[in-house]
């Protein structure tokens, strides 16, 4: 009597493992991107708080990358993608902060170009985040 597995049994096991690995990878990348969006939401929230303080002091919202850089401090990715963040950040004169997913020059692995997260400040009464 021979012991062992037939070629058919081995092929079925390999196919099942391949399907499970594919599904796992898709779920993994989805969860990772969700975490990166969380990073952007956190930074946008900090931007909102600091921009509101600056606006309340009568200096208006930061509208250039240099003003945003000064407001947020060293190491912040204002206006351009760099190796520190997965998003680049900007703010307009109305206090609308935007995080845009880096597609080429940001932290690896790269995301989908055009993914943006926008924080709109509603007259100092909090804000709403849209993706």
N, C-alpha and C. Protein backbone atom coordinates (compact mmCIF):
# COMPACT_ATOMS: atom_id res chain seq x y z
N UNK A 1 0.84 -1.17 0.00
CA UNK A 1 0.00 0.00 0.00
C UNK A 1 0.89 1.24 0.00
N UNK A 2 0.63 2.15 -0.94
CA UNK A 2 1.41 3.38 -1.07
C UNK A 2 0.82 4.45 -0.16
N UNK A 3 1.72 5.22 0.43
CA UNK A 3 1.29 6.34 1.27
C UNK A 3 1.71 7.63 0.61
N UNK A 4 0.91 8.69 0.85
CA UNK A 4 1.24 9.99 0.30
C UNK A 4 0.02 10.63 -0.36
N UNK A 5 0.27 11.74 -0.99
CA UNK A 5 -0.80 12.49 -1.63
C UNK A 5 -0.71 12.31 -3.14
N UNK A 6 -1.87 12.35 -3.77
CA UNK A 6 -1.88 12.30 -5.23
C UNK A 6 -1.60 13.71 -5.76
N UNK A 7 -1.24 13.78 -7.01
CA UNK A 7 -0.97 15.07 -7.64
C UNK A 7 -2.21 15.96 -7.61
N UNK A 8 -3.36 15.38 -7.80
CA UNK A 8 -4.62 16.13 -7.78
C UNK A 8 -4.86 16.76 -6.41
N UNK A 9 -4.64 16.02 -5.36
CA UNK A 9 -4.82 16.55 -4.00
C UNK A 9 -3.86 17.72 -3.74
N UNK A 10 -2.63 17.59 -4.16
CA UNK A 10 -1.66 18.66 -3.97
C UNK A 10 -2.06 19.92 -4.76
N UNK A 11 -2.56 19.74 -5.98
CA UNK A 11 -2.98 20.88 -6.79
C UNK A 11 -4.17 21.59 -6.16
N UNK A 12 -5.11 20.86 -5.61
CA UNK A 12 -6.26 21.47 -4.94
C UNK A 12 -5.80 22.29 -3.73
N UNK A 13 -4.89 21.76 -2.94
CA UNK A 13 -4.38 22.48 -1.77
C UNK A 13 -3.67 23.75 -2.21
N UNK A 14 -2.87 23.70 -3.25
CA UNK A 14 -2.15 24.89 -3.73
C UNK A 14 -3.13 25.94 -4.24
N UNK A 15 -4.17 25.53 -4.94
CA UNK A 15 -5.18 26.47 -5.43
C UNK A 15 -5.91 27.14 -4.26
N UNK A 16 -6.28 26.38 -3.27
CA UNK A 16 -6.97 26.93 -2.10
C UNK A 16 -6.08 27.94 -1.38
N UNK A 17 -4.82 27.61 -1.20
CA UNK A 17 -3.88 28.53 -0.56
C UNK A 17 -3.72 29.81 -1.38
N UNK A 18 -3.66 29.68 -2.69
CA UNK A 18 -3.56 30.85 -3.57
C UNK A 18 -4.76 31.77 -3.46
N UNK A 19 -5.96 31.20 -3.43
CA UNK A 19 -7.18 32.00 -3.30
C UNK A 19 -7.21 32.72 -1.96
N UNK A 20 -6.87 32.02 -0.89
CA UNK A 20 -6.85 32.64 0.45
C UNK A 20 -5.81 33.75 0.53
N UNK A 21 -4.65 33.55 -0.07
CA UNK A 21 -3.61 34.58 -0.06
C UNK A 21 -4.05 35.81 -0.83
N UNK A 22 -4.72 35.62 -1.95
CA UNK A 22 -5.21 36.75 -2.75
C UNK A 22 -6.23 37.56 -1.96
N UNK A 23 -7.19 36.90 -1.35
CA UNK A 23 -8.19 37.60 -0.55
C UNK A 23 -7.55 38.31 0.63
N UNK A 24 -6.61 37.69 1.26
CA UNK A 24 -5.91 38.31 2.40
C UNK A 24 -5.15 39.55 1.99
N UNK A 25 -4.49 39.53 0.84
CA UNK A 25 -3.72 40.68 0.38
C UNK A 25 -4.64 41.86 0.08
N UNK A 26 -5.79 41.60 -0.54
CA UNK A 26 -6.74 42.67 -0.84
C UNK A 26 -7.23 43.32 0.46
N UNK A 27 -7.56 42.51 1.44
CA UNK A 27 -8.01 43.04 2.73
C UNK A 27 -6.89 43.81 3.41
N UNK A 28 -5.68 43.32 3.32
CA UNK A 28 -4.52 43.98 3.94
C UNK A 28 -4.32 45.37 3.36
N UNK A 29 -4.33 45.49 2.05
CA UNK A 29 -4.12 46.80 1.43
C UNK A 29 -5.26 47.77 1.76
N UNK A 30 -6.49 47.27 1.87
CA UNK A 30 -7.62 48.11 2.24
C UNK A 30 -7.44 48.66 3.64
N UNK A 31 -7.04 47.83 4.57
CA UNK A 31 -6.84 48.26 5.96
C UNK A 31 -5.67 49.24 6.06
N UNK A 32 -4.62 49.01 5.32
CA UNK A 32 -3.46 49.91 5.33
C UNK A 32 -3.86 51.30 4.82
N UNK A 33 -4.58 51.37 3.72
CA UNK A 33 -5.01 52.66 3.18
C UNK A 33 -5.96 53.36 4.14
N UNK A 34 -6.79 52.62 4.83
CA UNK A 34 -7.69 53.21 5.82
C UNK A 34 -6.89 53.85 6.94
N UNK A 35 -5.82 53.21 7.36
CA UNK A 35 -4.94 53.78 8.37
C UNK A 35 -4.25 55.04 7.89
N UNK A 36 -3.86 55.06 6.64
CA UNK A 36 -3.20 56.25 6.08
C UNK A 36 -4.18 57.41 5.99
N UNK A 37 -5.44 57.12 5.68
CA UNK A 37 -6.45 58.18 5.69
C UNK A 37 -6.66 58.69 7.11
N UNK A 38 -6.52 57.83 8.08
CA UNK A 38 -6.60 58.25 9.49
C UNK A 38 -5.49 59.22 9.83
N UNK A 39 -4.29 58.96 9.30
CA UNK A 39 -3.17 59.90 9.50
C UNK A 39 -3.53 61.26 8.93
N UNK A 40 -4.09 61.28 7.73
CA UNK A 40 -4.46 62.55 7.09
C UNK A 40 -5.54 63.26 7.89
N UNK A 41 -6.53 62.54 8.38
CA UNK A 41 -7.60 63.17 9.17
C UNK A 41 -7.04 63.77 10.45
N UNK A 42 -6.11 63.09 11.08
CA UNK A 42 -5.49 63.60 12.30
C UNK A 42 -4.71 64.88 12.03
N UNK A 43 -3.92 64.88 10.97
CA UNK A 43 -3.12 66.07 10.64
C UNK A 43 -4.03 67.22 10.23
N UNK A 44 -5.10 66.93 9.47
CA UNK A 44 -6.04 67.98 9.09
C UNK A 44 -6.71 68.57 10.34
N UNK A 45 -7.00 67.73 11.32
CA UNK A 45 -7.58 68.23 12.57
C UNK A 45 -6.63 69.17 13.30
N UNK A 46 -5.36 68.80 13.33
CA UNK A 46 -4.35 69.66 13.95
C UNK A 46 -4.23 70.97 13.17
N UNK A 47 -4.24 70.87 11.84
CA UNK A 47 -4.19 72.07 11.00
C UNK A 47 -5.38 72.97 11.32
N UNK A 48 -6.56 72.40 11.47
CA UNK A 48 -7.76 73.18 11.75
C UNK A 48 -7.60 73.94 13.06
N UNK A 49 -7.15 73.24 14.11
CA UNK A 49 -7.00 73.88 15.41
C UNK A 49 -6.00 75.03 15.35
N UNK A 50 -4.85 74.78 14.75
CA UNK A 50 -3.81 75.80 14.70
C UNK A 50 -4.21 76.96 13.79
N UNK A 51 -4.91 76.66 12.69
CA UNK A 51 -5.35 77.71 11.79
C UNK A 51 -6.43 78.57 12.44
N UNK A 52 -7.31 77.96 13.23
CA UNK A 52 -8.33 78.72 13.94
C UNK A 52 -7.70 79.68 14.94
N UNK A 53 -6.68 79.21 15.65
CA UNK A 53 -5.98 80.09 16.60
C UNK A 53 -5.38 81.27 15.85
N UNK A 54 -4.71 80.99 14.74
CA UNK A 54 -4.10 82.07 13.96
C UNK A 54 -5.15 83.03 13.44
N UNK A 55 -6.28 82.51 12.96
CA UNK A 55 -7.35 83.35 12.44
C UNK A 55 -7.97 84.20 13.55
N UNK A 56 -8.17 83.61 14.74
CA UNK A 56 -8.75 84.34 15.86
C UNK A 56 -7.83 85.47 16.33
N UNK A 57 -6.53 85.29 16.14
CA UNK A 57 -5.57 86.32 16.52
C UNK A 57 -5.53 87.45 15.49
N UNK A 58 -6.29 87.32 14.41
CA UNK A 58 -6.39 88.36 13.40
C UNK A 58 -5.43 88.23 12.25
N UNK A 59 -4.73 87.11 12.15
CA UNK A 59 -3.75 86.92 11.08
C UNK A 59 -4.31 86.18 9.88
N UNK A 60 -5.56 85.75 9.93
CA UNK A 60 -6.16 85.00 8.81
C UNK A 60 -5.64 83.57 8.76
N UNK A 61 -6.23 82.81 7.88
CA UNK A 61 -5.81 81.42 7.69
C UNK A 61 -4.53 81.37 6.86
N UNK A 62 -3.68 80.39 7.10
CA UNK A 62 -2.47 80.25 6.27
C UNK A 62 -2.87 79.80 4.86
N UNK A 63 -2.37 80.49 3.85
CA UNK A 63 -2.78 80.17 2.48
C UNK A 63 -1.63 79.70 1.61
N UNK A 64 -0.41 79.88 2.04
CA UNK A 64 0.72 79.41 1.24
C UNK A 64 1.39 78.25 1.96
N UNK A 65 2.16 77.49 1.21
CA UNK A 65 2.87 76.36 1.80
C UNK A 65 3.83 76.85 2.89
N UNK A 66 4.46 78.01 2.69
CA UNK A 66 5.40 78.54 3.67
C UNK A 66 4.69 78.91 4.98
N UNK A 67 3.50 79.54 4.87
CA UNK A 67 2.74 79.88 6.08
C UNK A 67 2.28 78.64 6.81
N UNK A 68 1.83 77.64 6.05
CA UNK A 68 1.39 76.39 6.66
C UNK A 68 2.55 75.67 7.31
N UNK A 69 3.71 75.71 6.67
CA UNK A 69 4.92 75.10 7.22
C UNK A 69 5.29 75.76 8.55
N UNK A 70 5.23 77.09 8.60
CA UNK A 70 5.54 77.82 9.83
C UNK A 70 4.54 77.48 10.92
N UNK A 71 3.27 77.39 10.56
CA UNK A 71 2.22 77.09 11.52
C UNK A 71 2.38 75.68 12.10
N UNK A 72 2.67 74.71 11.26
CA UNK A 72 2.71 73.30 11.69
C UNK A 72 4.06 72.87 12.23
N UNK A 73 5.13 73.57 11.90
CA UNK A 73 6.43 73.23 12.46
C UNK A 73 7.29 72.39 11.52
N UNK A 74 8.50 72.12 11.99
CA UNK A 74 9.50 71.41 11.19
C UNK A 74 9.05 69.99 10.88
N UNK A 75 9.41 69.52 9.71
CA UNK A 75 9.11 68.15 9.31
C UNK A 75 7.75 67.97 8.68
N UNK A 76 6.96 69.03 8.63
CA UNK A 76 5.62 68.94 8.06
C UNK A 76 5.68 69.02 6.54
N UNK A 77 4.83 68.24 5.85
CA UNK A 77 4.84 68.19 4.38
C UNK A 77 3.85 69.18 3.82
N UNK A 78 4.17 70.47 3.85
CA UNK A 78 3.25 71.48 3.33
C UNK A 78 3.46 71.65 1.84
N UNK A 79 2.39 71.47 1.06
CA UNK A 79 2.41 71.79 -0.35
C UNK A 79 3.04 70.78 -1.27
N UNK A 80 3.82 69.86 -0.78
CA UNK A 80 4.49 68.90 -1.67
C UNK A 80 4.65 67.56 -0.96
N UNK A 81 4.75 66.52 -1.74
CA UNK A 81 4.97 65.19 -1.17
C UNK A 81 6.43 65.04 -0.79
N UNK A 82 6.66 64.39 0.32
CA UNK A 82 8.02 64.06 0.71
C UNK A 82 8.02 62.70 1.39
N UNK A 83 9.14 62.28 1.89
CA UNK A 83 9.25 60.95 2.47
C UNK A 83 8.70 60.82 3.87
N UNK A 84 8.11 61.89 4.44
CA UNK A 84 7.59 61.82 5.80
C UNK A 84 6.13 61.44 5.89
N UNK A 85 5.35 61.76 4.85
CA UNK A 85 3.91 61.57 4.90
C UNK A 85 3.40 60.89 3.64
N UNK A 86 2.20 60.32 3.74
CA UNK A 86 1.55 59.71 2.59
C UNK A 86 0.70 60.72 1.82
N UNK A 87 0.51 61.91 2.39
CA UNK A 87 -0.31 62.96 1.78
C UNK A 87 0.47 64.27 1.76
N UNK A 88 0.10 65.16 0.86
CA UNK A 88 0.58 66.54 0.91
C UNK A 88 -0.60 67.38 1.40
N UNK A 89 -0.31 68.49 2.07
CA UNK A 89 -1.34 69.27 2.73
C UNK A 89 -1.32 70.71 2.26
N UNK A 90 -2.52 71.31 2.17
CA UNK A 90 -2.63 72.72 1.80
C UNK A 90 -3.86 73.31 2.48
N UNK A 91 -3.94 74.65 2.50
CA UNK A 91 -5.09 75.34 3.07
C UNK A 91 -5.34 76.60 2.26
N UNK A 92 -6.63 76.94 2.06
CA UNK A 92 -6.95 78.16 1.31
C UNK A 92 -7.38 79.27 2.27
N UNK A 93 -7.70 80.43 1.72
CA UNK A 93 -8.03 81.61 2.53
C UNK A 93 -9.31 81.43 3.33
N UNK A 94 -10.18 80.51 2.93
CA UNK A 94 -11.42 80.26 3.66
C UNK A 94 -11.21 79.26 4.79
N UNK A 95 -10.02 78.75 4.93
CA UNK A 95 -9.73 77.79 5.99
C UNK A 95 -10.04 76.36 5.62
N UNK A 96 -10.16 76.06 4.33
CA UNK A 96 -10.41 74.69 3.90
C UNK A 96 -9.08 73.98 3.73
N UNK A 97 -8.84 72.99 4.55
CA UNK A 97 -7.61 72.22 4.48
C UNK A 97 -7.80 71.01 3.58
N UNK A 98 -6.80 70.69 2.80
CA UNK A 98 -6.88 69.57 1.87
C UNK A 98 -5.66 68.68 2.01
N UNK A 99 -5.90 67.38 2.08
CA UNK A 99 -4.83 66.39 2.06
C UNK A 99 -4.97 65.62 0.75
N UNK A 100 -3.92 65.62 -0.06
CA UNK A 100 -3.94 64.93 -1.36
C UNK A 100 -2.95 63.79 -1.31
N UNK A 101 -3.40 62.59 -1.68
CA UNK A 101 -2.56 61.38 -1.62
C UNK A 101 -1.39 61.51 -2.58
N UNK A 102 -0.20 61.27 -2.06
CA UNK A 102 1.00 61.30 -2.89
C UNK A 102 1.01 60.07 -3.78
N UNK A 103 1.29 60.29 -5.06
CA UNK A 103 1.29 59.18 -6.00
C UNK A 103 2.68 58.86 -6.51
N UNK A 104 3.64 59.75 -6.33
CA UNK A 104 4.96 59.47 -6.89
C UNK A 104 6.09 59.80 -5.93
N UNK A 105 6.02 60.93 -5.24
CA UNK A 105 7.18 61.38 -4.47
C UNK A 105 7.00 61.23 -2.96
N UNK A 106 5.95 60.58 -2.53
CA UNK A 106 5.72 60.44 -1.10
C UNK A 106 6.33 59.19 -0.54
N UNK A 107 5.88 58.84 0.63
CA UNK A 107 6.37 57.67 1.33
C UNK A 107 5.87 56.41 0.62
N UNK A 108 6.74 55.44 0.44
CA UNK A 108 6.37 54.20 -0.26
C UNK A 108 5.60 53.29 0.70
N UNK A 109 4.70 52.45 0.22
CA UNK A 109 4.25 52.33 -1.16
C UNK A 109 3.30 53.46 -1.53
N UNK A 110 3.25 53.73 -2.81
CA UNK A 110 2.48 54.87 -3.30
C UNK A 110 0.99 54.52 -3.36
N UNK A 111 0.18 55.55 -3.28
CA UNK A 111 -1.27 55.37 -3.32
C UNK A 111 -1.84 55.73 -4.67
N UNK A 112 -3.13 55.87 -4.69
CA UNK A 112 -3.84 56.25 -5.91
C UNK A 112 -3.81 57.76 -6.08
N UNK A 113 -3.32 58.22 -7.21
CA UNK A 113 -3.28 59.65 -7.48
C UNK A 113 -4.70 60.19 -7.47
N UNK A 114 -4.87 61.36 -6.90
CA UNK A 114 -6.17 61.99 -6.89
C UNK A 114 -7.01 61.71 -5.67
N UNK A 115 -6.62 60.78 -4.80
CA UNK A 115 -7.34 60.58 -3.56
C UNK A 115 -7.12 61.82 -2.70
N UNK A 116 -8.20 62.49 -2.32
CA UNK A 116 -8.06 63.68 -1.50
C UNK A 116 -9.00 63.61 -0.30
N UNK A 117 -8.61 64.27 0.76
CA UNK A 117 -9.43 64.43 1.94
C UNK A 117 -9.49 65.92 2.21
N UNK A 118 -10.68 66.45 2.40
CA UNK A 118 -10.85 67.89 2.62
C UNK A 118 -11.51 68.13 3.96
N UNK A 119 -10.96 69.05 4.72
CA UNK A 119 -11.55 69.48 5.98
C UNK A 119 -12.07 70.89 5.78
N UNK A 120 -13.36 71.10 5.98
CA UNK A 120 -13.95 72.41 5.84
C UNK A 120 -14.25 72.96 7.22
N UNK A 121 -13.76 74.16 7.50
CA UNK A 121 -14.01 74.78 8.79
C UNK A 121 -15.29 75.60 8.67
N UNK A 122 -16.23 75.38 9.60
CA UNK A 122 -17.50 76.07 9.57
C UNK A 122 -17.51 77.20 10.59
N UNK A 123 -16.83 78.28 10.27
CA UNK A 123 -16.85 79.47 11.11
C UNK A 123 -16.42 79.24 12.54
N UNK A 124 -15.43 78.39 12.75
CA UNK A 124 -14.92 78.17 14.10
C UNK A 124 -15.77 77.24 14.94
N UNK A 125 -16.79 76.63 14.38
CA UNK A 125 -17.66 75.74 15.15
C UNK A 125 -17.40 74.29 14.79
N UNK A 126 -16.16 73.94 14.71
CA UNK A 126 -15.82 72.57 14.33
C UNK A 126 -15.54 72.49 12.86
N UNK A 127 -15.80 71.37 12.27
CA UNK A 127 -15.53 71.20 10.85
C UNK A 127 -16.09 69.89 10.37
N UNK A 128 -16.10 69.75 9.08
CA UNK A 128 -16.56 68.49 8.51
C UNK A 128 -15.49 67.95 7.59
N UNK A 129 -15.30 66.66 7.62
CA UNK A 129 -14.29 66.03 6.79
C UNK A 129 -14.99 65.24 5.70
N UNK A 130 -14.59 65.46 4.46
CA UNK A 130 -15.13 64.69 3.34
C UNK A 130 -13.99 64.02 2.61
N UNK A 131 -14.25 62.87 2.05
CA UNK A 131 -13.23 62.13 1.32
C UNK A 131 -13.65 62.00 -0.12
